Amino acid sequence: MSLHDDAVLVLKGYEDQEELRQTYLDHLAAHPDGMWKACQAGHVTASALVIDPSRGRVLLTLHRKLRMWLQMGGHCEPGDISLAAAALREATEESGITGLTRLPGGPVRLDRHPIPAPCHWHFDVQYAALAPAGTVEVISDESLDLRWFSYAEVADVADDSVVRLMEATRARL
């Protein structure tokens, strides 16, 4: 199964955010290359919020280019076998944490946001990843910083999309 086909199946199975979900499906139907960064109409991305529920905290990255506190995530790559695998790969690469496990149940949220030309949109499929006990994070080249934030602190440092992702993740827990 192609990554495009996996994304369509994942989105068809996602039961929340009906209008936005349909926007994603319409985009993929109109753009066979809609999974890849080269698609100038926008492309699907995969991200994961790294969470440590036992300590009531999430790990955010200070994104090098955007200079914003965000969840880990990014572009799909040809070797990714699924959206979930892409999100877990990105979270592992950007956090330096091995042994992350995906929170069961598929995507937690969808977030479509504009990006600078030549592309126009990121169609982000957002997952959550559980950090193993004793986790030690390592800053990647894509980050200026990595930091654990308590649930209560997230709204003070991150934008609404990250807050909504954290809230949806906590509700799923």
C-alpha atoms as a PDB file:
ATOM      1  CA  MET A   1       0.000   0.000   0.000  1.00  0.00           C
ATOM      2  CA  SER A   2       1.310   3.446  -0.858  1.00  0.00           C
ATOM      3  CA  LEU A   3       1.656   6.203   1.713  1.00  0.00           C
ATOM      4  CA  HIS A   4      -1.039   8.129  -0.193  1.00  0.00           C
ATOM      5  CA  ASP A   5      -3.417   5.149   0.140  1.00  0.00           C
ATOM      6  CA  ASP A   6      -2.593   4.827   3.838  1.00  0.00           C
ATOM      7  CA  ALA A   7      -3.350   8.509   4.387  1.00  0.00           C
ATOM      8  CA  VAL A   8      -6.733   8.173   2.656  1.00  0.00           C
ATOM      9  CA  LEU A   9      -7.614   5.141   4.813  1.00  0.00           C
ATOM     10  CA  VAL A  10      -6.473   6.867   7.996  1.00  0.00           C
ATOM     11  CA  LEU A  11      -8.495   9.966   7.187  1.00  0.00           C
ATOM     12  CA  LYS A  12     -11.603   7.986   6.220  1.00  0.00           C
ATOM     13  CA  GLY A  13     -11.376   6.263   9.606  1.00  0.00           C
ATOM     14  CA  TYR A  14     -10.880   9.492  11.554  1.00  0.00           C
ATOM     15  CA  GLU A  15     -14.188  10.432  13.153  1.00  0.00           C
ATOM     16  CA  ASP A  16     -13.615  14.007  14.337  1.00  0.00           C
ATOM     17  CA  GLN A  17     -13.296  17.378  12.594  1.00  0.00           C
ATOM     18  CA  GLU A  18     -15.581  16.276   9.737  1.00  0.00           C
ATOM     19  CA  GLU A  19     -15.269  19.382   7.542  1.00  0.00           C
ATOM     20  CA  LEU A  20     -11.482  19.569   7.877  1.00  0.00           C
ATOM     21  CA  ARG A  21     -11.156  15.815   7.356  1.00  0.00           C
ATOM     22  CA  GLN A  22     -13.079  16.164   4.098  1.00  0.00           C
ATOM     23  CA  THR A  23     -10.773  19.011   3.027  1.00  0.00           C
ATOM     24  CA  TYR A  24      -7.810  16.648   3.488  1.00  0.00           C
ATOM     25  CA  LEU A  25      -9.518  13.881   1.511  1.00  0.00           C
ATOM     26  CA  ASP A  26     -10.460  16.300  -1.291  1.00  0.00           C
ATOM     27  CA  HIS A  27      -6.864  17.532  -1.426  1.00  0.00           C
ATOM     28  CA  LEU A  28      -5.502  13.998  -1.731  1.00  0.00           C
ATOM     29  CA  ALA A  29      -8.105  13.102  -4.385  1.00  0.00           C
ATOM     30  CA  ALA A  30      -7.101  16.138  -6.452  1.00  0.00           C
ATOM     31  CA  HIS A  31      -3.345  15.755  -5.911  1.00  0.00           C
ATOM     32  CA  PRO A  32      -1.750  12.311  -6.309  1.00  0.00           C
ATOM     33  CA  ASP A  33       1.495  13.990  -5.137  1.00  0.00           C
ATOM     34  CA  GLY A  34      -0.240  15.530  -2.094  1.00  0.00           C
ATOM     35  CA  MET A  35       1.905  13.575   0.362  1.00  0.00           C
ATOM     36  CA  TRP A  36       5.125  15.201  -0.762  1.00  0.00           C
ATOM     37  CA  LYS A  37       6.801  18.525  -0.156  1.00  0.00           C
ATOM     38  CA  ALA A  38       7.018  19.079  -3.929  1.00  0.00           C
ATOM     39  CA  CYS A  39       3.225  19.451  -4.175  1.00  0.00           C
ATOM     40  CA  GLN A  40       2.850  23.221  -4.449  1.00  0.00           C
ATOM     41  CA  ALA A  41      -0.866  23.164  -3.597  1.00  0.00           C
ATOM     42  CA  GLY A  42       0.114  21.893  -0.156  1.00  0.00           C
ATOM     43  CA  HIS A  43       1.055  18.559   1.317  1.00  0.00           C
ATOM     44  CA  VAL A  44       0.292  16.191   4.149  1.00  0.00           C
ATOM     45  CA  THR A  45       2.665  16.280   7.114  1.00  0.00           C
ATOM     46  CA  ALA A  46       2.809  14.061  10.194  1.00  0.00           C
ATOM     47  CA  SER A  47       3.515  15.134  13.748  1.00  0.00           C
ATOM     48  CA  ALA A  48       3.418  13.718  17.256  1.00  0.00           C
ATOM     49  CA  LEU A  49       3.089  15.304  20.658  1.00  0.00           C
ATOM     50  CA  VAL A  50       5.545  13.570  22.995  1.00  0.00           C
ATOM     51  CA  ILE A  51       3.824  13.136  26.334  1.00  0.00           C
ATOM     52  CA  ASP A  52       4.824  11.818  29.748  1.00  0.00           C
ATOM     53  CA  PRO A  53       1.446  11.277  31.455  1.00  0.00           C
ATOM     54  CA  SER A  54       2.978   9.910  34.655  1.00  0.00           C
ATOM     55  CA  ARG A  55       4.643  13.297  35.230  1.00  0.00           C
ATOM     56  CA  GLY A  56       1.937  15.466  33.649  1.00  0.00           C
ATOM     57  CA  ARG A  57       4.123  17.003  30.978  1.00  0.00           C
ATOM     58  CA  VAL A  58       4.778  17.277  27.245  1.00  0.00           C
ATOM     59  CA  LEU A  59       8.014  17.753  25.312  1.00  0.00           C
ATOM     60  CA  LEU A  60       8.058  20.650  22.872  1.00  0.00           C
ATOM     61  CA  THR A  61      10.683  21.784  20.418  1.00  0.00           C
ATOM     62  CA  LEU A  62      11.651  25.375  19.774  1.00  0.00           C
ATOM     63  CA  HIS A  63      11.515  25.148  15.993  1.00  0.00           C
ATOM     64  CA  ARG A  64      14.664  26.505  14.373  1.00  0.00           C
ATOM     65  CA  LYS A  65      12.950  28.277  11.454  1.00  0.00           C
ATOM     66  CA  LEU A  66       9.644  29.289  13.017  1.00  0.00           C
ATOM     67  CA  ARG A  67      11.032  30.104  16.476  1.00  0.00           C
ATOM     68  CA  MET A  68       7.875  28.706  18.064  1.00  0.00           C
ATOM     69  CA  TRP A  69       7.325  25.941  20.624  1.00  0.00           C
ATOM     70  CA  LEU A  70       5.721  23.064  18.712  1.00  0.00           C
ATOM     71  CA  GLN A  71       5.214  19.319  18.785  1.00  0.00           C
ATOM     72  CA  MET A  72       7.703  17.235  16.795  1.00  0.00           C
ATOM     73  CA  GLY A  73       6.788  16.676  13.161  1.00  0.00           C
ATOM     74  CA  GLY A  74       7.500  17.261   9.549  1.00  0.00           C
ATOM     75  CA  HIS A  75       7.382  16.020   6.003  1.00  0.00           C
ATOM     76  CA  CYS A  76       6.690  12.483   4.939  1.00  0.00           C
ATOM     77  CA  GLU A  77       9.573  10.620   3.340  1.00  0.00           C
ATOM     78  CA  PRO A  78       9.581   7.912   0.654  1.00  0.00           C
ATOM     79  CA  GLY A  79      10.620   5.238   3.189  1.00  0.00           C
ATOM     80  CA  ASP A  80       7.642   5.918   5.495  1.00  0.00           C
ATOM     81  CA  ILE A  81       5.195   3.025   5.414  1.00  0.00           C
ATOM     82  CA  SER A  82       2.348   4.919   7.073  1.00  0.00           C
ATOM     83  CA  LEU A  83       1.391   8.304   8.447  1.00  0.00           C
ATOM     84  CA  ALA A  84       1.704   6.908  11.972  1.00  0.00           C
ATOM     85  CA  ALA A  85       5.219   5.658  11.188  1.00  0.00           C
ATOM     86  CA  ALA A  86       6.164   9.070   9.734  1.00  0.00           C
ATOM     87  CA  ALA A  87       4.933  10.835  12.882  1.00  0.00           C
ATOM     88  CA  LEU A  88       6.851   8.440  15.151  1.00  0.00           C
ATOM     89  CA  ARG A  89      10.000   8.793  13.004  1.00  0.00           C
ATOM     90  CA  GLU A  90       9.802  12.581  13.196  1.00  0.00           C
ATOM     91  CA  ALA A  91       9.219  12.512  16.962  1.00  0.00           C
ATOM     92  CA  THR A  92      12.179  10.176  17.460  1.00  0.00           C
ATOM     93  CA  GLU A  93      14.497  12.186  15.205  1.00  0.00           C
ATOM     94  CA  GLU A  94      13.602  15.554  16.701  1.00  0.00           C
ATOM     95  CA  SER A  95      13.512  14.481  20.351  1.00  0.00           C
ATOM     96  CA  GLY A  96      16.411  12.024  20.327  1.00  0.00           C
ATOM     97  CA  ILE A  97      14.239   9.689  22.417  1.00  0.00           C
ATOM     98  CA  THR A  98      14.307   6.023  21.521  1.00  0.00           C
ATOM     99  CA  GLY A  99      11.465   3.768  22.519  1.00  0.00           C
ATOM    100  CA  LEU A 100       8.602   6.202  21.919  1.00  0.00           C
ATOM    101  CA  THR A 101       5.295   4.399  21.456  1.00  0.00           C
ATOM    102  CA  ARG A 102       2.321   5.775  19.596  1.00  0.00           C
ATOM    103  CA  LEU A 103      -0.836   6.370  21.575  1.00  0.00           C
ATOM    104  CA  PRO A 104      -3.356   3.824  20.208  1.00  0.00           C
ATOM    105  CA  GLY A 105      -6.389   4.889  18.241  1.00  0.00           C
ATOM    106  CA  GLY A 106      -5.055   6.731  15.204  1.00  0.00           C
ATOM    107  CA  PRO A 107      -4.623  10.487  14.823  1.00  0.00           C
ATOM    108  CA  VAL A 108      -5.509  12.741  17.732  1.00  0.00           C
ATOM    109  CA  ARG A 109      -6.229  15.854  15.636  1.00  0.00           C
ATOM    110  CA  LEU A 110      -5.890  17.476  12.238  1.00  0.00           C
ATOM    111  CA  ASP A 111      -4.412  20.946  11.778  1.00  0.00           C
ATOM    112  CA  ARG A 112      -4.275  22.733   8.420  1.00  0.00           C
ATOM    113  CA  HIS A 113      -2.072  25.815   8.435  1.00  0.00           C
ATOM    114  CA  PRO A 114      -0.599  28.127   5.800  1.00  0.00           C
ATOM    115  CA  ILE A 115       3.082  28.061   4.942  1.00  0.00           C
ATOM    116  CA  PRO A 116       5.180  30.367   2.741  1.00  0.00           C
ATOM    117  CA  ALA A 117       5.307  29.928  -1.044  1.00  0.00           C
ATOM    118  CA  PRO A 118       6.030  28.002  -3.163  1.00  0.00           C
ATOM    119  CA  CYS A 119       3.783  25.671  -1.177  1.00  0.00           C
ATOM    120  CA  HIS A 120       0.658  27.000   0.418  1.00  0.00           C
ATOM    121  CA  TRP A 121      -0.598  24.568   3.066  1.00  0.00           C
ATOM    122  CA  HIS A 122       0.478  21.916   5.515  1.00  0.00           C
ATOM    123  CA  PHE A 123      -2.234  19.342   6.092  1.00  0.00           C
ATOM    124  CA  ASP A 124      -0.878  18.069   9.413  1.00  0.00           C
ATOM    125  CA  VAL A 125      -2.058  14.727  10.773  1.00  0.00           C
ATOM    126  CA  GLN A 126      -1.297  14.839  14.489  1.00  0.00           C
ATOM    127  CA  TYR A 127      -0.584  11.834  16.690  1.00  0.00           C
ATOM    128  CA  ALA A 128       0.651  11.446  20.261  1.00  0.00           C
ATOM    129  CA  ALA A 129       3.677   9.458  21.405  1.00  0.00           C
ATOM    130  CA  LEU A 130       4.274   8.172  24.911  1.00  0.00           C
ATOM    131  CA  ALA A 131       7.745   8.744  26.351  1.00  0.00           C
ATOM    132  CA  PRO A 132       9.289   5.805  28.197  1.00  0.00           C
ATOM    133  CA  ALA A 133      10.294   6.178  31.849  1.00  0.00           C
ATOM    134  CA  GLY A 134      13.716   7.756  32.369  1.00  0.00           C
ATOM    135  CA  THR A 135      13.661   9.429  28.981  1.00  0.00           C
ATOM    136  CA  VAL A 136      16.534  11.727  28.059  1.00  0.00           C
ATOM    137  CA  GLU A 137      15.944  14.077  25.143  1.00  0.00           C
ATOM    138  CA  VAL A 138      18.631  15.249  22.703  1.00  0.00           C
ATOM    139  CA  ILE A 139      18.318  18.440  20.654  1.00  0.00           C
ATOM    140  CA  SER A 140      18.382  17.857  16.899  1.00  0.00           C
ATOM    141  CA  ASP A 141      19.607  20.163  14.131  1.00  0.00           C
ATOM    142  CA  GLU A 142      15.991  21.198  13.539  1.00  0.00           C
ATOM    143  CA  SER A 143      15.568  22.601  17.040  1.00  0.00           C
ATOM    144  CA  LEU A 144      16.920  25.543  18.952  1.00  0.00           C
ATOM    145  CA  ASP A 145      15.802  23.915  22.209  1.00  0.00           C
ATOM    146  CA  LEU A 146      13.783  21.047  23.659  1.00  0.00           C
ATOM    147  CA  ARG A 147      11.932  21.407  26.899  1.00  0.00           C
ATOM    148  CA  TRP A 148       9.403  19.575  29.027  1.00  0.00           C
ATOM    149  CA  PHE A 149       6.383  21.680  29.969  1.00  0.00           C
ATOM    150  CA  SER A 150       3.708  20.836  32.494  1.00  0.00           C
ATOM    151  CA  TYR A 151       0.215  20.694  31.027  1.00  0.00           C
ATOM    152  CA  ALA A 152      -0.577  24.018  32.717  1.00  0.00           C
ATOM    153  CA  GLU A 153       2.440  25.763  31.120  1.00  0.00           C
ATOM    154  CA  VAL A 154       1.710  24.858  27.493  1.00  0.00           C
ATOM    155  CA  ALA A 155      -0.807  27.658  26.879  1.00  0.00           C
ATOM    156  CA  ASP A 156       1.803  30.187  28.044  1.00  0.00           C
ATOM    157  CA  VAL A 157       4.445  29.120  25.505  1.00  0.00           C
ATOM    158  CA  ALA A 158       2.686  27.522  22.521  1.00  0.00           C
ATOM    159  CA  ASP A 159      -0.025  28.531  20.094  1.00  0.00           C
ATOM    160  CA  ASP A 160      -3.623  27.347  20.146  1.00  0.00           C
ATOM    161  CA  SER A 161      -2.984  24.414  17.807  1.00  0.00           C
ATOM    162  CA  VAL A 162      -0.521  22.882  20.273  1.00  0.00           C
ATOM    163  CA  VAL A 163      -2.881  23.533  23.184  1.00  0.00           C
ATOM    164  CA  ARG A 164      -5.747  21.828  21.312  1.00  0.00           C
ATOM    165  CA  LEU A 165      -3.488  18.864  20.490  1.00  0.00           C
ATOM    166  CA  MET A 166      -2.445  18.522  24.127  1.00  0.00           C
ATOM    167  CA  GLU A 167      -6.052  18.728  25.330  1.00  0.00           C
ATOM    168  CA  ALA A 168      -7.213  16.132  22.801  1.00  0.00           C
ATOM    169  CA  THR A 169      -4.323  13.865  23.768  1.00  0.00           C
ATOM    170  CA  ARG A 170      -5.127  14.151  27.451  1.00  0.00           C
ATOM    171  CA  ALA A 171      -8.787  13.385  26.731  1.00  0.00           C
ATOM    172  CA  ARG A 172      -7.741  10.269  24.817  1.00  0.00           C
ATOM    173  CA  LEU A 173      -5.565   9.104  27.736  1.00  0.00           C
END
